[in-house]
Protein backbone atom coordinates (compact mmCIF):
# COMPACT_ATOMS: atom_id res chain seq x y z
CA SER A 1 75.40 82.56 95.71
CA HIS A 2 74.11 81.17 92.08
CA GLY A 3 71.94 78.74 90.61
CA HIS A 4 74.60 76.30 89.35
CA VAL A 5 74.50 72.61 90.54
CA ASP A 6 77.73 72.75 92.80
CA HIS A 7 76.28 75.94 94.68
CA ALA A 8 72.51 75.40 94.36
CA TYR A 9 71.78 71.81 94.18
CA GLY A 10 72.61 70.68 97.59
CA THR A 11 70.09 72.27 99.72
CA TRP A 12 67.75 69.65 99.99
CA ALA A 13 70.29 68.16 102.62
CA LEU A 14 69.99 71.21 104.89
CA LEU A 15 66.02 70.82 104.59
CA GLU A 16 66.30 67.20 105.56
CA ASP A 17 68.44 67.73 108.70
CA GLU A 18 66.63 67.76 111.83
CA ALA A 19 68.72 70.31 113.81
CA THR A 20 68.24 72.67 111.08
CA MET A 21 64.65 71.97 110.96
CA ALA A 22 63.94 72.24 114.67
CA ALA A 23 63.71 75.99 114.64
CA GLY A 24 61.62 75.82 111.48
CA PRO A 25 61.59 75.91 107.47
CA PRO A 26 64.65 78.27 107.04
CA ALA A 27 64.51 81.05 104.66
CA ILE A 28 66.23 80.35 101.14
CA VAL A 29 67.90 83.30 100.15
CA ALA A 30 69.09 84.26 96.28
CA HIS A 31 68.94 86.68 93.66
CA ARG A 32 65.86 86.95 91.59
CA LYS A 33 67.38 85.35 88.63
CA VAL A 34 67.80 82.24 90.16
CA ALA A 35 64.60 81.17 89.94
CA GLU A 36 64.54 81.83 85.75
CA ARG A 37 67.38 79.92 86.17
CA PHE A 38 65.72 76.63 87.30
CA ALA A 39 63.00 77.40 84.92
CA TYR A 40 65.22 77.25 82.06
CA TYR A 41 67.14 73.98 83.28
CA LEU A 42 63.93 72.08 83.18
CA ARG A 43 63.14 73.86 79.75
CA LEU A 44 66.06 72.99 78.05
CA ARG A 45 66.91 70.00 80.17
CA GLY A 46 68.38 67.69 76.99
CA MET A 47 70.70 70.93 75.78
CA VAL A 48 71.99 71.22 79.19
CA ALA A 49 72.39 67.55 79.77
CA ARG A 50 74.85 67.58 76.56
CA TYR A 51 76.58 70.70 77.27
CA MET A 52 77.15 69.57 81.07
CA ASN A 53 78.38 66.10 79.63
CA GLN A 54 76.02 64.60 81.68
CA PRO A 55 73.05 61.78 81.28
CA PRO A 56 69.72 63.65 81.25
CA ASP A 57 68.22 61.55 83.88
CA HIS A 58 71.14 62.84 86.59
CA LEU A 59 69.25 66.45 86.00
CA PRO A 60 66.17 68.04 87.97
CA ALA A 61 63.13 66.77 85.66
CA SER A 62 60.63 68.58 87.44
CA GLU A 63 60.21 71.50 89.49
CA GLU A 64 59.75 69.12 92.74
CA ASP A 65 63.57 68.74 92.10
CA PHE A 66 64.63 72.02 93.03
CA VAL A 67 64.45 73.96 96.18
CA TRP A 68 63.18 77.13 95.21
CA PRO A 69 63.89 80.51 96.99
CA THR A 70 61.76 81.96 99.32
CA VAL A 71 63.27 85.38 99.78
CA GLU A 72 64.78 87.27 96.69
CA PHE A 73 66.16 90.07 96.04
CA ASP A 74 67.50 92.35 93.16
CA ASP A 75 70.89 93.94 93.62
CA VAL A 76 71.80 94.56 97.61
CA LEU A 77 69.95 92.79 100.60
CA ARG A 78 71.03 93.58 103.94
CA LEU A 79 70.09 90.91 106.55
CA ASN A 80 70.60 90.68 110.13
CA ILE A 81 70.87 86.96 111.19
CA GLY A 82 71.52 86.03 114.87
CA GLY A 83 72.66 89.00 115.42
CA GLU A 84 75.44 88.59 112.37
CA THR A 85 74.93 91.75 109.77
CA VAL A 86 75.21 90.02 106.44
CA HIS A 87 75.29 91.85 103.05
CA LEU A 88 74.41 90.15 99.70
CA VAL A 89 75.60 92.18 96.54
CA HIS A 90 74.68 90.76 93.44
CA HIS A 91 76.79 91.31 90.05
CA PRO A 92 76.36 89.09 87.18
CA ALA A 93 79.46 86.97 86.22
CA GLU A 94 79.75 83.65 85.97
CA THR A 95 76.12 83.37 85.88
CA ASP A 96 73.67 86.47 85.88
CA ASP A 97 72.09 85.58 89.33
CA GLN A 98 75.55 85.54 90.75
CA CYS A 99 76.16 87.34 94.46
CA TYR A 100 78.79 87.75 97.05
CA VAL A 101 78.63 87.81 100.97
CA TRP A 102 79.84 90.59 102.98
CA LEU A 103 80.09 90.14 106.62
CA PRO A 104 81.26 93.49 107.95
CA ASP A 105 81.55 92.99 111.42
CA ARG A 106 84.08 90.01 110.80
CA GLN A 107 85.35 91.48 108.12
CA ALA A 108 84.62 88.41 106.02
CA LEU A 109 83.91 87.98 102.34
CA TYR A 110 82.56 84.88 100.95
CA SER A 111 83.74 85.69 97.13
CA ALA A 112 81.33 82.85 95.46
CA ASP A 113 82.71 82.20 91.77
CA TYR A 114 84.06 85.54 90.82
CA TYR A 115 87.39 84.18 92.20
CA GLN A 116 88.76 80.88 92.04
CA GLY A 117 92.46 80.83 91.84
CA PHE A 118 92.88 80.67 88.39
CA LEU A 119 91.78 82.34 84.91
CA PRO A 120 87.55 82.47 85.61
CA ASN A 121 85.48 80.30 83.46
CA MET A 122 84.30 83.36 81.62
CA GLY A 123 84.97 82.14 78.27
CA ASN A 124 82.94 78.95 78.29
CA GLY A 125 81.93 78.47 74.60
CA LYS A 126 79.20 75.87 75.89
CA ARG A 127 77.36 78.31 78.42
CA VAL A 128 74.91 81.15 77.76
CA GLN A 129 76.42 84.68 78.18
CA ARG A 130 78.59 85.57 81.31
CA GLY A 131 79.12 88.86 82.92
CA THR A 132 81.84 90.68 81.45
CA ASP A 133 82.31 94.37 82.53
CA GLN A 134 80.22 93.40 85.55
CA TRP A 135 82.47 90.55 86.71
CA VAL A 136 85.36 93.52 86.85
CA ILE A 137 83.22 95.40 88.59
CA ALA A 138 82.23 93.11 91.29
CA LEU A 139 86.44 92.15 91.71
CA ARG A 140 87.30 96.09 92.27
CA GLU A 141 84.13 96.44 94.53
CA MET A 142 85.65 93.46 96.82
CA ALA A 143 89.03 94.40 96.84
CA ASP A 144 88.15 97.77 98.30
CA LEU A 145 86.11 96.16 101.25
CA GLY A 146 89.27 95.42 103.24
CA ALA A 147 88.50 91.85 104.10
CA THR A 148 90.42 89.86 106.39
CA ALA A 149 89.18 86.84 105.02
CA MET A 150 87.97 85.45 101.90
CA LEU A 151 86.43 82.34 101.26
CA PRO A 152 85.90 81.67 97.49
CA GLY A 153 83.39 78.92 96.42
CA HIS A 154 86.36 77.01 95.22
CA GLY A 155 89.65 76.54 96.86
CA GLU A 156 91.07 77.44 100.25
CA ALA A 157 90.58 80.51 101.93
CA ILE A 158 92.82 83.52 102.23
CA VAL A 159 93.39 85.45 105.33
CA ASN A 160 95.60 88.11 104.51
CA SER A 161 94.42 91.24 103.90
CA GLU A 162 96.92 92.52 101.32
CA MET A 163 96.97 89.35 99.56
CA ILE A 164 92.92 89.32 99.24
CA ARG A 165 93.11 92.77 97.57
CA SER A 166 96.07 91.70 95.56
CA GLU A 167 94.49 88.51 94.04
CA LEU A 168 91.10 90.64 93.46
CA ARG A 169 92.92 93.32 91.82
CA ILE A 170 95.08 91.26 89.65
CA LEU A 171 92.32 89.44 88.34
CA ALA A 172 90.28 92.50 87.59
CA ASP A 173 92.87 94.19 85.66
CA ALA A 174 93.29 90.97 83.51
CA LEU A 175 89.60 90.45 82.80
CA ALA A 176 89.59 94.44 82.07
CA HIS A 177 92.91 93.95 79.71
CA ILE A 178 90.92 91.46 77.61
CA ILE A 179 87.46 93.48 77.38
CA ASP A 180 89.37 96.38 76.22
CA GLN A 181 91.38 94.91 73.46
CA VAL A 182 87.95 93.33 72.24
CA VAL A 183 86.31 96.63 72.33
CA ASP A 184 89.02 98.80 70.83
CA GLY A 185 89.37 95.53 68.00
CA LEU A 186 85.81 96.14 67.57
CA ASN A 187 85.68 99.96 67.10
CA ALA A 188 88.76 99.48 65.16
CA ARG A 189 86.21 97.25 62.57
CA LEU A 190 88.69 94.13 62.81
CA ARG A 191 86.71 90.52 62.17
CA LYS A 192 86.09 88.50 65.10
CA ASP A 193 88.72 86.08 64.53
CA GLN A 194 90.98 88.64 63.85
CA ILE A 195 90.43 90.28 67.49
CA VAL A 196 90.87 87.04 68.70
CA ASP A 197 94.25 86.14 67.18
CA CYS A 198 95.80 89.24 67.96
CA LEU A 199 94.95 89.36 71.67
CA ASN A 200 98.21 90.54 73.62
CA TRP A 201 98.39 88.58 77.06
CA PRO A 202 101.56 90.14 78.90
CA ALA A 203 104.10 88.34 81.02
CA ARG A 204 102.72 89.99 84.15
CA PHE A 205 99.33 88.32 83.47
CA ALA A 206 100.66 84.78 81.74
CA ASP A 207 102.96 84.19 84.62
CA HIS A 208 100.72 84.78 87.43
CA PRO A 209 99.40 81.80 89.40
CA THR A 210 96.05 83.38 89.84
CA LEU A 211 95.76 83.47 86.11
CA ALA A 212 96.60 80.23 85.29
CA VAL A 213 95.00 79.02 82.19
CA THR A 214 92.82 75.91 83.44
CA TYR A 215 89.31 76.14 82.28
CA VAL A 216 89.22 78.52 79.52
CA SER A 217 91.75 80.73 77.73
CA PRO A 218 92.18 84.51 77.50
CA GLN A 219 91.25 84.16 73.72
CA ASP A 220 88.08 82.18 75.02
CA ILE A 221 87.37 85.12 77.38
CA ALA A 222 87.56 87.31 74.42
CA ARG A 223 85.05 85.42 72.60
CA MET A 224 82.91 85.47 74.77
CA VAL A 225 83.31 89.53 75.34
CA LEU A 226 82.24 89.71 71.41
CA LYS A 227 79.39 87.77 71.94
CA ARG A 228 78.11 90.03 74.55
CA TRP A 229 78.52 93.01 72.26
CA THR A 230 77.66 91.35 68.75
CA GLY A 231 75.30 89.15 66.62
CA TRP A 232 75.95 85.50 65.93
CA TRP A 233 77.81 86.59 62.65
CA ASP A 234 81.35 85.56 62.65
CA ASP A 235 82.16 88.46 59.97
CA ILE A 236 82.93 85.87 57.16
CA PRO A 237 80.24 86.75 54.65
CA SER A 238 79.96 83.18 53.66
CA HIS A 239 78.91 82.16 56.61
CA TRP A 240 75.56 84.46 56.96
CA SER A 241 73.57 81.85 54.90
CA PRO A 242 75.93 79.24 54.43
CA ALA A 243 75.80 75.77 52.70
CA PRO A 244 75.17 72.64 54.94
CA VAL A 245 78.36 71.86 56.51
CA ALA A 246 78.52 68.06 55.26
CA ASP A 247 78.05 69.75 51.46
CA GLN A 248 81.01 71.99 52.12
CA ALA A 249 83.01 69.17 53.58
CA ARG A 250 82.21 66.65 50.42
CA THR A 251 83.30 69.82 48.11
CA ILE A 252 86.52 69.98 49.79
CA ALA A 253 87.36 66.48 50.15
CA ALA A 254 86.65 66.41 46.46
CA LEU A 255 88.76 69.49 45.74
CA ALA A 256 91.55 67.76 47.97
CA GLY A 257 91.31 64.66 45.90
CA GLY A 258 88.80 62.64 47.84
CA VAL A 259 88.67 61.84 51.83
CA ASP A 260 91.86 59.57 51.52
CA SER A 261 93.90 62.67 50.67
CA LEU A 262 92.33 64.66 53.76
CA VAL A 263 93.01 61.74 56.04
CA GLU A 264 96.74 61.67 54.74
CA ALA A 265 97.20 65.40 55.04
CA ALA A 266 95.68 65.50 58.56
CA ARG A 267 98.03 62.68 59.38
CA THR A 268 101.41 64.55 58.18
CA LEU A 269 100.14 67.73 60.07
CA ILE A 270 99.49 66.08 63.42
CA ASP A 271 103.05 66.04 64.45
CA HIS A 272 103.79 70.07 63.74
CA ASP A 273 100.22 71.69 63.09
CA LEU A 274 97.68 70.23 65.57
CA PRO A 275 95.03 73.06 64.91
CA GLN A 276 95.29 72.60 61.00
CA ALA A 277 95.35 68.63 61.51
CA CYS A 278 91.97 69.10 63.44
CA HIS A 279 90.14 71.37 60.71
CA LEU A 280 91.16 68.28 58.08
CA ALA A 281 89.85 65.82 60.45
CA ASP A 282 86.72 67.73 60.78
CA TRP A 283 86.26 67.94 56.85
CA ALA A 284 86.81 64.52 56.55
CA TRP A 285 84.55 63.12 59.35
CA TYR A 286 81.68 65.47 57.82
CA ALA A 287 82.19 64.58 54.47
CA GLN A 288 82.16 61.15 55.02
CA PRO A 289 81.76 59.56 58.81
CA ASP A 290 81.75 56.09 57.55
CA HIS A 291 85.01 55.87 55.87
CA PRO A 292 87.20 53.19 57.15
CA GLU A 293 89.75 55.39 58.12
CA VAL A 294 88.11 58.57 59.46
CA PRO A 295 86.70 57.68 62.80
CA GLN A 296 90.37 56.45 63.67
CA LEU A 297 91.93 59.82 62.50
CA VAL A 298 89.40 61.88 64.30
CA ILE A 299 90.13 59.70 67.38
CA ASP A 300 94.19 60.31 66.97
CA VAL A 301 94.02 63.94 65.97
CA TYR A 302 92.11 64.98 69.16
CA ARG A 303 93.79 62.56 71.24
CA ALA A 304 97.05 64.55 70.41
CA ARG A 305 94.93 67.76 70.81
CA ILE A 306 94.08 66.74 74.71
CA LEU A 307 97.66 65.80 75.43
CA ASP A 308 98.72 69.31 73.88
CA PRO A 309 99.83 71.46 77.02
CA ALA A 310 98.16 74.39 74.96
CA SER A 311 94.75 72.75 75.55
CA ASN A 312 92.32 73.89 78.14
CA THR A 313 89.65 71.80 80.25
CA GLN A 314 86.73 73.18 78.50
CA GLU A 315 88.10 72.29 74.87
CA MET A 316 89.25 68.89 76.21
CA THR A 317 85.68 67.98 77.02
CA VAL A 318 84.52 68.72 73.41
CA TYR A 319 86.98 66.45 71.92
CA LEU A 320 86.25 63.79 73.78
CA ASP A 321 82.69 64.00 72.89
CA HIS A 322 84.14 64.17 69.15
CA MET A 323 86.20 61.09 69.96
CA ALA A 324 83.23 58.93 71.62
CA ALA A 325 80.90 59.66 68.37
CA ALA A 326 84.12 58.64 66.40
CA ARG A 327 84.60 55.16 68.40
CA ALA A 328 80.80 54.85 67.95
CA GLN A 329 80.96 54.86 64.46
CA GLN A 330 83.44 52.39 64.35
CA LEU A 331 81.59 50.10 66.71
CA GLN A 332 78.68 50.42 64.91
CA ALA A 333 81.06 49.34 61.45
CA GLY A 334 82.12 46.28 63.67
CA HIS A 335 85.61 47.64 64.28
CA ARG A 336 86.88 46.49 67.80
């Protein structure tokens, strides 16, 4: 259904299965952009490993490590497989190569990763551009199919037609709500951070189990929508051609009275303003990572951030990486 590891990298097992191969090599059907995704994974293997939190040697290193599509399509592909009518429909969403599968004779829908039973991973800050409006289109399109069984790419099957329709529609409405607010904010000439900070998330979404914040937050999704419509500049004038981060950090530390003052101030903020504590810990780290107090500050601040119920999975991986770097600094300095 798309080129992510958990949906494409296990194809080799089918090709090594004697029963599968007895009738001849099967067709590998995918959207045209799946092959482009595989090529991108090879070209940027080190980057992909970093942002997927994987060792590079766990990722494909050559074209031979992939099972490549043998049948490709662009928008819609209709197949007849063993007398079964199968429709493959493409809409960019979690990836630009994703499709859902509709079996009209059975009224069965494979919804891929358009629907996951929680607020979807549209706002992943470590990934390339995700579909935004197209994701909403796909959800509403699937809701109107009249499916009596839905098999998500993750999670349990749903076999109640009204529940399927309701689940897909509430998710579409929630994503559209975020998109519309971002567009309105852009047209009102608000700064990007202001658009995110003033995002309204009503109770009908916040309290709905299908929209639970697991991987990303509504604000993260808003940032991905901003990325869809604007450039890399964050609307802060000095950030267009900024001073190096380490230089900024040393200047801020000097203005604060030294790195020791930043460390002390950050520790006083941990219990009542974690985001600000993290900012101060970052300035201390980038100003002087080998300061004897700074690595432990980083570990303590970001441990608290991970334990904060407001934190989601994707941001936790960022915090863990930073804590690991701080711990490596401690070990290098001989601190056990």
